[in-house]
């Protein structure tokens, strides 16, 4: 995941 995602989404998870 991106640096912005890490704040709310667990590492290794990519919503895109």
N, C-alpha and C. Protein backbone atom coordinates (compact mmCIF):
# COMPACT_ATOMS: atom_id res chain seq x y z
N UNK A 1 0.84 -1.20 0.00
CA UNK A 1 0.00 0.00 0.00
C UNK A 1 0.88 1.26 0.00
N UNK A 2 0.28 2.37 -0.29
CA UNK A 2 1.03 3.62 -0.36
C UNK A 2 1.19 4.22 1.03
N UNK A 3 2.04 5.21 1.18
CA UNK A 3 2.29 5.84 2.47
C UNK A 3 1.01 6.43 3.05
N UNK A 4 0.11 6.88 2.17
CA UNK A 4 -1.14 7.50 2.63
C UNK A 4 -2.09 6.43 3.16
N UNK A 5 -2.08 5.26 2.54
CA UNK A 5 -2.96 4.16 2.93
C UNK A 5 -2.59 3.57 4.29
N UNK A 6 -1.29 3.57 4.56
CA UNK A 6 -0.81 2.94 5.79
C UNK A 6 -1.46 3.53 7.04
N UNK A 7 -1.95 4.77 6.93
CA UNK A 7 -2.55 5.43 8.09
C UNK A 7 -3.87 4.78 8.50
N UNK A 8 -4.60 4.24 7.54
CA UNK A 8 -5.94 3.70 7.84
C UNK A 8 -6.11 2.26 7.40
N UNK A 9 -5.30 1.81 6.43
CA UNK A 9 -5.42 0.44 5.95
C UNK A 9 -4.20 -0.39 6.36
N UNK A 10 -4.41 -1.62 6.83
CA UNK A 10 -3.32 -2.50 7.25
C UNK A 10 -2.29 -2.69 6.14
N UNK A 11 -1.02 -2.80 6.50
CA UNK A 11 0.05 -2.98 5.51
C UNK A 11 -0.19 -4.25 4.70
N UNK A 12 0.01 -4.17 3.41
CA UNK A 12 -0.17 -5.33 2.55
C UNK A 12 -1.55 -5.31 1.89
N UNK A 13 -2.37 -4.34 2.26
CA UNK A 13 -3.70 -4.23 1.66
C UNK A 13 -3.74 -3.06 0.68
N UNK A 14 -4.16 -3.35 -0.55
CA UNK A 14 -4.24 -2.29 -1.56
C UNK A 14 -5.65 -2.18 -2.14
N UNK A 15 -6.37 -1.15 -1.78
CA UNK A 15 -7.74 -0.93 -2.25
C UNK A 15 -7.80 -0.63 -3.74
N UNK A 16 -6.69 -0.19 -4.29
CA UNK A 16 -6.67 0.14 -5.72
C UNK A 16 -6.43 -1.11 -6.55
